[in-house]
């Protein structure tokens, strides 16, 4: 494909190009001034009132849709006295309007099958506020209701003073919950990098003073000024008729007008590119050690054209090649740093920043800095080798091929993001085939010299006068001057000769005589093909057309954490580190080069009852994926470097254990409810430091060598071919055990007899506290009870949210969890949690207790049951519209075949549950005297328990 060259003009310098408030070209000029070929399946337009709309028909998942209403308005549009208003308005959008009573919008959507949070949500950023609806079906009535609600948000909000007051508590709670050492560190970094930029003081959470001072009139004025048709875009993607969508959009939005004064031009503040070199040290007990060098320059903001996309590809190859060097160093024995990264990005449309970031073991920052700088300088001064670029090209070849082949089954979410970038950033919505054609047309021109030139053109040089920042738990000896000295020395140090990286062929292609199939049937519930080989390896395979050239694979070996004992409670802790040790014939870094350009997964994890390895691959790489899995269990590398990295990370992990109320609860709860059973309790750091691969090999070696294997393969795959490939790999291994029987002691799990309040302490913000009620329940062996408890969880979530969030304004996101074990007999828990202000802890405890008691003693409203039931039924409706859903079905379809019929009947069971049955379950399990109550309060605060 050839196109005429288009000048890469900066839209802000060309008055003929209309831009949005963020400085990006509007959708129309973005197309008109570009030579890129857009996705012609997108239907779009602009109503006479200025509203831009776009619709993209899409059938993945089938019979579903996504809707976004995006406003070019965010926290950067707030005056000093309005900080937090953009986010406040977002919250008020769900609190009543001209045609929807307060509190009814969420309930209305729940009745239609949309779960609050998962399907009904919104977000506020620096420049944009976006409202989201995920429709579980595409009937005209639901589309009409959804667009009606979006119009209510756009022009009909009430801002009732009483509702504003109630929501104030929720805003303050959200702000309080998110205030932690991570946010503090991020805001400090912003202020150091660009001290005069306005965004550093425009976190969407606002300030306590401005949130407490906001009134209905203030919020309405901000909303009316910014929520205007010419400042908005409506996006619909899904399995819908284009004519019907366009007509519905016109019907709901054509008469939207705004007579409020337009907003003032957005002020981004300033970025001082002449600022003298500066240093900063930021300390917090929970922070790991990190050194950052950065430099700033004016942003490069060309129009989106084929030439700019070409330059982007070259630049990205350069960044990826540098980071590949850094990753190689981090994998070595005696690695100088834990990880490092190099990259550039824009600070809005005002500046670009280039950073070199080095994460080191405590006290080792200088060695890490020297090694990372040497790699950075070596790349930027000497350039790249042919082999380095070839490896990156192999990765890009696969990526662009996948984009081209997968275009017909791209998901709704993907298509929405494509259009949002067009609307928000002026990025032309091209297709996967178009992008692949452009890439392969330029591929011969991608040389090491071309990559280096593109990288040098964008990356801001990190010279000796770069800005330097250190964060960690302890200040470096010598302070800021030591940072500068170390940087100068690293920049002036002579560069060593570059090592030659040799490639080698993959060593694991022959596992012996292919296995013989002794059983080949189709299970009757979901029509999954079930196969057994002579060596007892089980295969469950299902062809789908849901995602072009996507194949999901999961290998399961029973055992997992059931292999741990009271004497060896951390026996499988290091299982996930095995892939990082490579294979017997290939070090991890060598393996990464061998696998470049292949779509395979290489992982291992220990779940509660199994060792699991998963991969997302494609038909042409399925054999390699299975070879990797077979090699992983027959010849793991067992090299010690991953163990060293695990031990190096322990101080960071333990420093964060009590850094927030949530982490303090997570680390302290297990020991309490298990009566200090070490299998379910947080151990001391020395217990983890003592772990090694020899202990792990003793624990899981027999499972790897002969344990039962069950493989699930689903997706765009020929089933006969999949059977053949499994036969050549896992089916060719020596005979495996047919079944796995856990040790009796492994199945023993007891909930403490202790009841009442337990106080835990955290080291986070002094106003934060958390309360959790946790009850023992039972296992999931009764499918009817399981579905009732799942619905009770959803009912309780609605009830607790309405009480603590909507009525009292005490908590931002109360949580309810029902966990019924399929592993441990008679084991299950039901918990309710809320993070609240410390001063409100007594009131929150009372409110939670009263809410639970109302579920037990008062009739549960039928409408509340339906609001809980509809999203659950919708979830079952859409389960098998993705390969991940089919993988959940195929996984263990032979060893746990009884669960398939349970899954098939779950929807009917959910529909049959009554309010009376839910109340009976609440009475059976949620009695106040049966719960353990965790109260997490700041270190040093008075105990909430007398």
Foldseek 3Di string as FASTA:
>chain_A
DDWDDADQDQQVVDPVFDDALLRFGFLVVLVVRARFDFDPQKDWDAFPQQATEIEHEAPQVHQKKKKKKKFQDALLLDDLLQFLLRVLLVVLLQADWDPAHGPVPLLVVLLQQAHPPVAWDWDGDNGMIMTMGIHLGDDLVVLLVVLLSVLRSLATGDLDQVQLVQQLLLLVQVVVQPDFPVVVVVLVVVCVQFVFWPVSQRDNSTDNNSSVPDGSVNSVLVSLQGSGNSRIYMYMYYNDDVVSNVVSNCVSPNPDGGPHHHGDRRGGTDGDQPDFAAEEEAADLQDFKKKKWKHKDFASRTRAYLVVVVLVVLQVLLQVLLQLVQVVQCLDVVRLAVGWGWDKDDPRNGMMMTMIMTGHQPPSVLSRLLVSLLSVCCCLPVWDDQLSSVLSVLQVLLVLVQQQQFQNQDHNVVVVVLVCCCRPRSHRSHGSVSVSVSCVVCVVVNDRVSSSVSNVVPGDDRDLRTHMYIYYHDAHPPHRVVRSVSSVCSRPPDHDDDDDDDADADDQQFLDDFWAWPDWDADDQPRWIWIATPLQAIETEAEDANTGFKKKKKKKFWAFQLLAALVRLCLCVCVFLQVCCPWQVDGNSNVSSNCRNFQWFATWHGDLTIIMGMGIGGAVCLLVNLSNVLRSLPTTRQDFSSLVSVLSCLSSVVSCCQSRQVSQCCQQVQCQFQVHSVNRHRDDSVSSNPDGVVSNCVRCVLSSQATHMYMYMYYNYDPVVSSRSCSRGVSSHHRHDNDDDRDPNSLDTGTDPDADEDETAHAIDQFKKKKKKKFWFWACPDLLVVLLVQLLQLLLQVLLCCQCCSPNSFFNHKHWDWAHHPRHGTTIMIMIMGMGTPVCVVVSVVSSVVSLVCLQPPQRDPSSSSSSLSNVLSCLVCLPSDRVSVRVCRVCCPVPVVVSVSSSCSNVSSVPDDSVNSNVVSNVIVDNRRIYMYMYHHPPDDDPPD
